[in-house]
N, C-alpha and C. Protein backbone atom coordinates (compact mmCIF):
# COMPACT_ATOMS: atom_id res chain seq x y z
N SER A 1 162.23 111.49 140.33
CA SER A 1 163.23 112.24 140.88
C SER A 1 163.77 113.20 140.18
N ASP A 2 164.27 114.80 140.76
CA ASP A 2 164.18 115.83 140.55
C ASP A 2 165.72 115.48 139.45
N CYS A 3 166.01 116.70 138.25
CA CYS A 3 167.11 117.09 137.65
C CYS A 3 168.41 117.37 138.79
N GLU A 4 169.60 117.08 138.74
CA GLU A 4 170.42 117.40 139.41
C GLU A 4 171.01 118.85 139.20
N GLU A 5 170.71 119.13 138.36
CA GLU A 5 171.04 120.43 137.78
C GLU A 5 170.11 121.59 137.89
N PHE A 6 169.06 121.26 138.24
CA PHE A 6 167.72 122.49 138.16
C PHE A 6 166.51 121.67 138.78
N SER A 7 165.71 122.39 139.64
CA SER A 7 164.54 121.46 140.20
C SER A 7 163.60 121.31 139.42
N GLU A 8 163.65 120.48 138.26
CA GLU A 8 162.65 119.56 137.53
C GLU A 8 162.76 118.60 137.44
N LEU A 9 161.61 117.77 136.75
CA LEU A 9 161.48 116.53 136.89
C LEU A 9 162.56 115.76 135.81
N ALA A 10 163.56 114.84 136.37
CA ALA A 10 164.43 114.47 135.35
C ALA A 10 164.14 113.51 134.38
N THR A 11 164.23 113.38 133.18
CA THR A 11 163.62 112.84 132.01
C THR A 11 164.62 111.90 131.85
N ALA A 12 166.19 112.32 131.82
CA ALA A 12 167.02 111.13 131.46
C ALA A 12 168.03 111.53 132.13
N LYS A 13 169.07 110.37 131.91
CA LYS A 13 170.44 109.96 133.02
C LYS A 13 171.52 109.83 131.91
N CYS A 14 172.73 110.26 132.13
CA CYS A 14 173.93 110.24 131.44
C CYS A 14 174.50 108.88 132.34
N LEU A 15 174.87 108.02 131.08
CA LEU A 15 175.07 106.75 131.40
C LEU A 15 176.65 106.73 131.50
N ASP A 16 177.06 108.09 131.30
CA ASP A 16 178.81 107.62 131.68
C ASP A 16 178.88 108.66 133.18
N CYS A 17 177.99 109.60 133.64
CA CYS A 17 178.38 110.29 135.01
C CYS A 17 177.81 109.93 135.72
N GLY A 18 176.40 109.22 135.29
CA GLY A 18 175.35 109.12 136.25
C GLY A 18 174.16 110.27 136.85
N LYS A 19 174.47 111.22 136.09
CA LYS A 19 173.36 112.49 136.45
C LYS A 19 172.53 112.08 135.57
N ARG A 20 171.16 112.58 136.70
CA ARG A 20 169.86 112.64 136.39
C ARG A 20 169.77 114.02 135.72
N LEU A 21 168.97 114.23 134.54
CA LEU A 21 168.67 115.24 133.81
C LEU A 21 167.53 115.61 133.19
N CYS A 22 167.06 117.18 133.38
CA CYS A 22 165.49 117.29 132.72
C CYS A 22 166.06 117.50 131.19
N ASP A 23 164.87 117.58 130.69
CA ASP A 23 165.20 117.97 129.24
C ASP A 23 165.86 118.83 128.93
N GLY A 24 165.91 120.06 129.64
CA GLY A 24 166.86 121.31 129.12
C GLY A 24 168.12 120.97 129.03
N HIS A 25 168.59 120.36 130.51
CA HIS A 25 169.57 119.93 130.85
C HIS A 25 170.63 118.76 129.85
N SER A 26 169.54 117.97 129.46
CA SER A 26 169.87 117.02 128.76
C SER A 26 170.49 117.53 127.53
N ARG A 27 169.62 118.58 127.12
CA ARG A 27 170.39 119.03 125.80
C ARG A 27 171.60 119.86 125.84
N VAL A 28 171.82 120.51 127.00
CA VAL A 28 173.20 121.27 127.50
C VAL A 28 173.91 120.37 127.56
N HIS A 29 173.99 118.99 128.03
CA HIS A 29 174.74 117.82 128.61
C HIS A 29 175.54 116.97 127.38
N ALA A 30 174.72 117.17 126.25
CA ALA A 30 174.96 116.73 124.97
C ALA A 30 175.64 118.01 124.29
N ARG A 31 175.92 119.22 124.38
CA ARG A 31 176.12 120.23 123.65
C ARG A 31 177.81 120.63 124.24
N SER A 32 177.95 120.10 125.54
CA SER A 32 178.85 120.86 126.34
C SER A 32 180.48 119.86 125.75
N LYS A 33 181.39 120.69 125.81
CA LYS A 33 182.55 120.09 125.30
C LYS A 33 182.94 119.08 126.33
N ARG A 34 182.78 119.08 127.53
CA ARG A 34 183.07 118.36 128.41
C ARG A 34 182.38 116.76 128.56
N THR A 35 181.01 117.15 127.76
CA THR A 35 180.33 115.98 128.28
C THR A 35 179.33 115.87 127.03
N ARG A 36 180.14 116.34 125.92
CA ARG A 36 179.09 115.80 124.42
C ARG A 36 179.31 114.16 124.13
N SER A 37 180.67 113.63 124.64
CA SER A 37 180.74 112.15 124.38
C SER A 37 179.89 111.32 125.05
N HIS A 38 179.23 112.02 126.31
CA HIS A 38 178.71 111.21 127.13
C HIS A 38 177.34 110.70 126.47
N ASN A 39 177.07 109.43 126.74
CA ASN A 39 175.47 108.58 126.42
C ASN A 39 174.58 108.96 127.50
N VAL A 40 173.54 109.68 126.74
CA VAL A 40 172.33 110.24 127.73
C VAL A 40 171.13 109.41 127.07
N ALA A 41 170.67 108.79 127.92
CA ALA A 41 169.38 107.80 127.38
C ALA A 41 168.02 108.48 128.09
N PRO A 42 166.95 108.14 127.73
CA PRO A 42 165.72 108.07 128.72
C PRO A 42 165.79 107.80 129.85
N LEU A 43 165.19 108.31 131.09
CA LEU A 43 165.26 107.87 132.37
C LEU A 43 164.90 106.26 132.65
N ALA A 44 164.05 105.86 131.69
CA ALA A 44 163.22 104.61 131.74
C ALA A 44 164.30 103.62 131.14
N THR A 45 165.33 103.95 130.01
CA THR A 45 165.85 103.12 129.35
C THR A 45 167.44 103.03 130.31
N ALA A 46 167.68 104.39 130.84
CA ALA A 46 168.83 104.49 131.74
C ALA A 46 168.74 103.43 133.14
N THR A 47 167.80 102.99 133.40
CA THR A 47 167.54 102.76 134.72
C THR A 47 167.09 101.23 134.36
N ALA A 48 167.08 100.67 133.48
CA ALA A 48 166.74 99.51 132.92
C ALA A 48 168.01 98.60 133.41
N GLU A 49 167.90 97.16 133.68
CA GLU A 49 169.15 96.23 134.06
C GLU A 49 170.47 96.73 133.31
N ARG A 50 171.10 96.99 134.27
CA ARG A 50 172.68 97.53 133.79
C ARG A 50 173.61 96.87 134.68
N THR A 51 174.73 96.11 134.07
CA THR A 51 175.75 95.24 135.14
C THR A 51 176.98 95.97 135.14
N HIS A 52 177.33 96.42 134.50
CA HIS A 52 178.59 97.40 134.71
C HIS A 52 178.52 99.07 135.35
N CYS A 53 179.47 99.69 135.93
CA CYS A 53 179.38 100.64 136.32
C CYS A 53 179.91 101.67 135.02
N PRO A 54 179.23 102.33 134.75
CA PRO A 54 179.43 103.73 133.69
C PRO A 54 180.65 104.30 134.11
N ILE A 55 181.33 104.75 135.24
CA ILE A 55 182.21 105.27 135.31
C ILE A 55 183.58 104.33 135.66
N HIS A 56 183.81 103.21 136.27
CA HIS A 56 184.60 102.23 136.68
C HIS A 56 183.94 100.87 135.83
N LYS A 57 184.19 101.08 134.72
CA LYS A 57 183.64 100.25 133.75
C LYS A 57 184.00 98.62 133.71
N THR A 58 184.88 98.24 134.45
CA THR A 58 185.08 96.97 134.74
C THR A 58 184.55 96.56 136.13
N THR A 59 183.94 97.25 136.81
CA THR A 59 183.11 96.88 138.19
C THR A 59 181.88 96.74 137.81
N GLU A 60 181.51 95.73 138.52
CA GLU A 60 179.74 95.62 138.48
C GLU A 60 179.10 96.38 139.22
N ILE A 61 177.81 96.62 138.95
CA ILE A 61 176.94 97.53 139.70
C ILE A 61 176.68 96.26 140.82
N ASP A 62 176.50 96.91 142.28
CA ASP A 62 176.11 96.06 143.48
C ASP A 62 175.36 97.11 144.61
N GLN A 63 175.79 98.16 144.39
CA GLN A 63 175.35 99.27 145.63
C GLN A 63 174.13 100.05 144.84
N TYR A 64 173.52 100.74 145.88
CA TYR A 64 172.54 102.03 145.74
C TYR A 64 172.78 102.97 146.84
N CYS A 65 172.89 104.00 145.74
CA CYS A 65 172.94 105.24 147.03
C CYS A 65 171.63 105.80 147.40
N SER A 66 170.84 105.58 148.41
CA SER A 66 169.63 106.15 148.74
C SER A 66 169.46 107.60 148.59
N THR A 67 170.61 108.14 148.85
CA THR A 67 170.78 109.74 148.82
C THR A 67 170.43 110.40 147.78
N CYS A 68 171.29 109.76 146.51
CA CYS A 68 171.04 110.55 145.22
C CYS A 68 169.94 109.34 144.46
N GLY A 69 169.63 108.13 144.74
CA GLY A 69 168.51 107.64 143.85
C GLY A 69 169.79 107.24 142.62
N VAL A 70 170.65 106.51 142.82
CA VAL A 70 171.65 106.07 141.72
C VAL A 70 172.24 104.73 142.11
N LEU A 71 172.23 103.75 141.21
CA LEU A 71 173.16 102.67 140.97
C LEU A 71 174.43 102.75 140.94
N LEU A 72 175.39 102.24 141.82
CA LEU A 72 176.88 101.88 142.05
C LEU A 72 177.64 101.02 142.19
N CYS A 73 179.00 100.94 141.71
CA CYS A 73 179.68 100.22 142.26
C CYS A 73 180.42 99.95 143.45
N LYS A 74 181.26 99.20 143.85
CA LYS A 74 182.09 99.35 145.36
C LYS A 74 182.74 100.67 145.13
N LYS A 75 183.27 101.03 144.01
CA LYS A 75 184.56 102.36 143.86
C LYS A 75 183.63 103.35 143.93
N CYS A 76 182.72 103.43 143.42
CA CYS A 76 181.68 104.96 143.36
C CYS A 76 181.69 105.51 144.74
N PRO A 77 181.30 105.01 145.83
CA PRO A 77 180.90 105.80 147.26
C PRO A 77 182.14 106.35 147.53
N VAL A 78 183.42 105.77 147.26
CA VAL A 78 184.46 106.60 147.67
C VAL A 78 185.30 107.56 146.58
N GLN A 79 185.25 107.13 145.35
CA GLN A 79 185.70 107.96 144.22
C GLN A 79 184.65 109.14 143.63
N ALA A 80 183.05 108.86 144.06
CA ALA A 80 182.29 109.64 143.25
C ALA A 80 181.21 110.34 144.02
N ASP A 81 181.62 110.90 144.77
CA ASP A 81 180.78 112.16 145.42
C ASP A 81 179.94 111.23 146.41
N HIS A 82 179.92 110.18 147.15
CA HIS A 82 178.92 109.81 147.70
C HIS A 82 179.51 109.01 149.20
N GLY A 83 180.51 109.91 149.49
CA GLY A 83 181.39 109.32 150.75
C GLY A 83 180.30 109.66 151.97
N GLU A 84 179.46 110.55 152.05
CA GLU A 84 178.90 110.51 153.27
C GLU A 84 177.42 110.25 153.23
N HIS A 85 176.96 109.52 151.93
CA HIS A 85 175.41 109.04 151.44
C HIS A 85 175.45 107.88 151.76
N GLU A 86 174.25 107.35 152.10
CA GLU A 86 173.59 106.52 152.74
C GLU A 86 173.67 105.31 151.53
N ILE A 87 174.66 103.97 151.85
CA ILE A 87 174.87 103.31 150.68
C ILE A 87 174.19 101.88 151.04
N ASP A 88 173.22 101.32 150.41
CA ASP A 88 172.82 99.70 150.39
C ASP A 88 173.17 99.04 149.47
N ASP A 89 173.10 97.80 149.81
CA ASP A 89 173.33 96.72 149.05
C ASP A 89 172.25 96.89 147.85
N ALA A 90 172.46 96.77 146.18
CA ALA A 90 171.39 97.17 145.40
C ALA A 90 170.13 96.15 145.32
N THR A 91 170.58 94.62 145.61
CA THR A 91 169.42 93.55 145.37
C THR A 91 168.56 94.32 146.61
N THR A 92 168.84 94.35 148.05
CA THR A 92 168.19 94.78 149.34
C THR A 92 167.54 96.03 149.08
N ALA A 93 168.12 97.09 148.53
CA ALA A 93 167.19 98.45 148.17
C ALA A 93 166.27 98.02 146.98
N HIS A 94 166.40 97.20 146.18
CA HIS A 94 165.60 96.73 144.99
C HIS A 94 164.27 96.21 146.11
N SER A 95 164.75 95.29 146.66
CA SER A 95 163.64 94.56 147.13
C SER A 95 162.83 95.24 148.09
N VAL A 96 163.25 96.17 148.88
CA VAL A 96 162.59 97.28 149.82
C VAL A 96 161.96 98.06 149.06
N THR A 97 162.07 98.35 148.15
CA THR A 97 161.49 99.55 147.39
C THR A 97 160.31 98.73 147.02
N LEU A 98 160.41 97.46 146.15
CA LEU A 98 159.57 96.79 145.45
C LEU A 98 158.39 95.67 146.45
N ALA A 99 158.83 96.02 147.74
CA ALA A 99 157.94 96.01 148.75
C ALA A 99 157.19 97.19 149.04
N LYS A 100 157.68 98.24 149.10
CA LYS A 100 156.86 99.30 149.39
C LYS A 100 156.05 99.60 148.28
N LEU A 101 156.28 99.65 147.33
CA LEU A 101 155.32 99.78 146.07
C LEU A 101 154.37 98.92 146.00
N SER A 102 154.60 97.49 146.21
CA SER A 102 153.79 96.57 146.42
C SER A 102 152.58 96.79 147.34
N THR A 103 152.92 97.14 148.46
CA THR A 103 152.12 97.83 149.60
C THR A 103 151.28 98.99 149.09
N ALA A 104 152.10 99.68 148.46
CA ALA A 104 151.36 101.03 148.10
C ALA A 104 150.30 101.02 147.18
N VAL A 105 150.38 100.00 146.35
CA VAL A 105 149.68 99.51 145.23
C VAL A 105 148.28 98.89 145.95
N GLU A 106 148.77 97.78 146.85
CA GLU A 106 147.55 97.01 147.49
C GLU A 106 146.61 98.13 148.33
N ASN A 107 147.42 99.05 149.08
CA ASN A 107 146.57 99.96 149.75
C ASN A 107 146.10 101.18 148.50
N SER A 108 146.17 101.40 147.62
CA SER A 108 145.34 102.02 146.78
C SER A 108 144.21 101.41 146.20
N THR A 109 144.59 100.06 145.92
CA THR A 109 143.47 98.86 145.17
C THR A 109 142.11 98.98 146.34
N THR A 110 143.03 98.97 147.57
CA THR A 110 141.74 98.89 148.74
C THR A 110 140.88 99.89 148.89
N GLN A 111 141.92 101.37 148.64
CA GLN A 111 141.16 102.66 148.80
C GLN A 111 139.89 102.57 147.62
N LEU A 112 140.47 102.41 146.39
CA LEU A 112 139.82 102.52 144.82
C LEU A 112 138.50 101.39 145.45
N GLN A 113 138.49 100.24 145.58
CA GLN A 113 137.60 99.02 145.96
C GLN A 113 136.41 99.68 146.77
N GLN A 114 136.94 100.58 147.97
CA GLN A 114 135.91 100.96 148.77
C GLN A 114 135.08 102.50 148.17
N ALA A 115 135.90 102.97 147.56
CA ALA A 115 135.62 104.32 146.93
C ALA A 115 134.63 103.54 145.72
N LEU A 116 134.74 102.35 145.07
CA LEU A 116 133.93 101.92 144.02
C LEU A 116 132.52 101.42 144.75
N ARG A 117 132.66 100.84 145.95
CA ARG A 117 131.84 100.28 146.51
C ARG A 117 130.90 101.78 147.06
N HIS A 118 131.42 102.78 147.27
CA HIS A 118 130.65 104.05 148.16
C HIS A 118 129.57 104.78 146.70
N VAL A 119 130.49 104.81 145.52
CA VAL A 119 129.98 105.06 144.44
C VAL A 119 128.60 104.29 144.03
N ASP A 120 129.12 102.94 143.87
CA ASP A 120 128.04 102.00 143.77
C ASP A 120 126.69 101.90 144.82
N GLU A 121 126.98 102.24 146.31
CA GLU A 121 125.85 102.82 147.13
C GLU A 121 125.17 103.84 147.10
N SER A 122 125.85 105.14 146.54
CA SER A 122 125.36 106.17 146.15
C SER A 122 124.14 106.15 144.90
N ILE A 123 124.83 105.25 143.85
CA ILE A 123 123.99 105.22 142.46
C ILE A 123 122.94 104.29 142.90
N ASP A 124 122.81 103.35 143.89
CA ASP A 124 121.57 102.65 143.95
C ASP A 124 120.83 103.55 145.17
N ALA A 125 121.39 104.57 145.84
CA ALA A 125 120.41 105.20 146.71
C ALA A 125 119.75 106.19 145.61
N THR A 126 120.74 106.94 144.93
CA THR A 126 120.03 107.94 144.05
C THR A 126 118.87 107.02 143.15
N ASN A 127 118.91 106.06 142.48
CA ASN A 127 118.25 105.39 141.74
C ASN A 127 116.98 104.90 142.38
N GLY A 128 117.15 104.78 144.03
CA GLY A 128 115.83 104.42 144.92
C GLY A 128 115.32 106.07 144.91
N GLU A 129 115.65 106.95 145.06
CA GLU A 129 115.28 108.30 145.42
C GLU A 129 114.50 108.78 143.95
N VAL A 130 115.03 108.26 142.94
CA VAL A 130 114.46 108.33 141.57
C VAL A 130 113.11 107.80 141.52
N VAL A 131 112.86 106.56 141.82
CA VAL A 131 112.00 105.96 141.47
C VAL A 131 110.62 106.35 142.82
N ARG A 132 111.14 106.60 143.98
CA ARG A 132 110.27 107.12 145.02
C ARG A 132 109.73 108.49 144.52
N TYR A 133 110.51 109.40 143.82
CA TYR A 133 109.88 110.57 143.38
C TYR A 133 109.06 110.52 142.66
N SER A 134 109.48 109.76 141.48
CA SER A 134 108.48 108.97 140.26
C SER A 134 107.16 108.70 140.79
N GLU A 135 107.24 107.67 141.85
CA GLU A 135 106.09 107.42 142.19
C GLU A 135 104.92 108.66 143.04
N MET A 136 105.67 109.47 143.70
CA MET A 136 105.14 110.73 144.14
C MET A 136 104.63 111.76 143.36
N ILE A 137 105.20 111.77 141.96
CA ILE A 137 104.93 112.68 140.89
C ILE A 137 103.40 111.95 140.67
N GLU A 138 103.29 110.46 140.24
CA GLU A 138 102.65 109.90 139.52
C GLU A 138 101.07 110.01 140.81
N GLN A 139 101.52 109.93 141.71
CA GLN A 139 100.42 110.27 142.83
C GLN A 139 99.86 111.29 142.86
N ASP A 140 100.82 112.58 142.61
CA ASP A 140 100.00 113.81 142.63
C ASP A 140 99.18 114.18 141.31
N ILE A 141 99.92 113.51 140.09
CA ILE A 141 99.04 113.62 138.87
C ILE A 141 97.75 112.96 139.18
N GLN A 142 97.68 111.71 139.44
CA GLN A 142 96.43 111.07 139.73
C GLN A 142 95.44 111.59 140.72
N GLN A 143 95.74 112.43 141.78
CA GLN A 143 95.12 113.54 142.57
C GLN A 143 94.75 114.41 141.82
N ALA A 144 95.66 115.12 140.93
CA ALA A 144 95.11 116.27 140.31
C ALA A 144 93.73 115.87 139.29
N VAL A 145 94.12 115.01 138.52
CA VAL A 145 93.10 114.36 137.45
C VAL A 145 92.10 113.88 138.14
N ASP A 146 91.95 113.24 139.71
CA ASP A 146 91.07 112.80 140.16
C ASP A 146 89.97 114.39 140.41
N LEU A 147 90.91 115.39 141.09
CA LEU A 147 90.23 116.74 141.36
C LEU A 147 89.53 117.27 139.96
N LEU A 148 90.35 117.38 139.07
CA LEU A 148 89.65 118.14 138.00
C LEU A 148 88.38 116.86 137.25
N ARG A 149 88.57 115.95 137.53
CA ARG A 149 87.07 115.03 137.13
C ARG A 149 86.06 115.06 137.94
N LYS A 150 86.22 115.50 139.08
CA LYS A 150 85.40 115.58 140.23
C LYS A 150 84.79 117.16 139.88
N ARG A 151 85.83 118.26 139.69
CA ARG A 151 85.54 119.61 139.22
C ARG A 151 84.24 119.54 138.15
N GLU A 152 84.62 118.54 137.12
CA GLU A 152 83.92 118.78 135.74
C GLU A 152 83.01 118.10 136.01
N ASN A 153 82.80 117.26 136.77
CA ASN A 153 81.18 116.27 137.25
C ASN A 153 80.17 117.52 137.80
N GLU A 154 81.18 118.45 138.89
CA GLU A 154 80.42 119.53 139.77
C GLU A 154 79.81 120.31 138.60
N LEU A 155 80.92 120.85 137.56
CA LEU A 155 80.25 121.94 136.53
C LEU A 155 79.23 121.21 135.76
N ARG A 156 79.37 120.06 135.36
CA ARG A 156 78.14 119.52 134.53
C ARG A 156 76.88 119.35 135.21
N ASP A 157 76.94 118.97 136.54
CA ASP A 157 75.86 119.14 137.12
C ASP A 157 75.16 120.09 137.44
N GLU A 158 75.97 121.41 137.70
CA GLU A 158 75.52 122.61 137.40
C GLU A 158 75.03 123.18 136.40
N LEU A 159 75.47 122.49 135.26
CA LEU A 159 74.95 123.09 133.67
C LEU A 159 73.77 122.57 133.47
N ASP A 160 73.60 121.24 134.03
CA ASP A 160 72.45 120.64 133.83
C ASP A 160 71.35 121.28 134.80
N ARG A 161 71.64 121.35 135.89
CA ARG A 161 70.86 121.81 136.78
C ARG A 161 70.01 123.52 136.12
N TYR A 162 70.88 124.38 135.66
CA TYR A 162 70.86 125.49 135.03
C TYR A 162 69.83 125.60 133.65
N HIS A 163 70.62 124.65 133.17
CA HIS A 163 69.90 124.10 131.68
C HIS A 163 68.28 123.79 131.81
N TRP A 164 68.30 122.64 132.51
CA TRP A 164 66.56 122.55 132.91
C TRP A 164 65.55 123.12 133.67
N ARG A 165 66.30 124.37 134.34
CA ARG A 165 65.67 125.32 134.92
C ARG A 165 65.04 126.42 134.11
N SER A 166 65.58 126.66 133.14
CA SER A 166 65.09 127.46 131.98
C SER A 166 64.21 127.48 131.28
């Protein structure tokens, strides 16, 4: 997803305020007086399993804001700018997302298998064409050799007739 401060791809997340940040804003977040004490982690690490809310330290994370794409505790929707957002149970949201990803992977796998079959069929067809053209070339060469041999024999016969006439 995108950085909350700018329209670039987020690469990190602040574990204290929950903001997703691009590389540039991660550096700004780390230097700003207001946020320099915050813990900013790479997005992969920041989204790893975390049991307690970074804002409401004693409350466990159990909700997911579909609008923002962040995990929340029960207090966050009321207190942390998520009031109008679509909030779901975190486990349910995880299961739904996992099912969607699984379906997408299955569809991609099917498409890849079909593409591979098509490529194999194309290779087989191309190999067949190569063999067919090779045989045609061989036949054309043989016909040319036969014509040359015939002409050679005609010329030798003519030479012999000329030689014996004189």
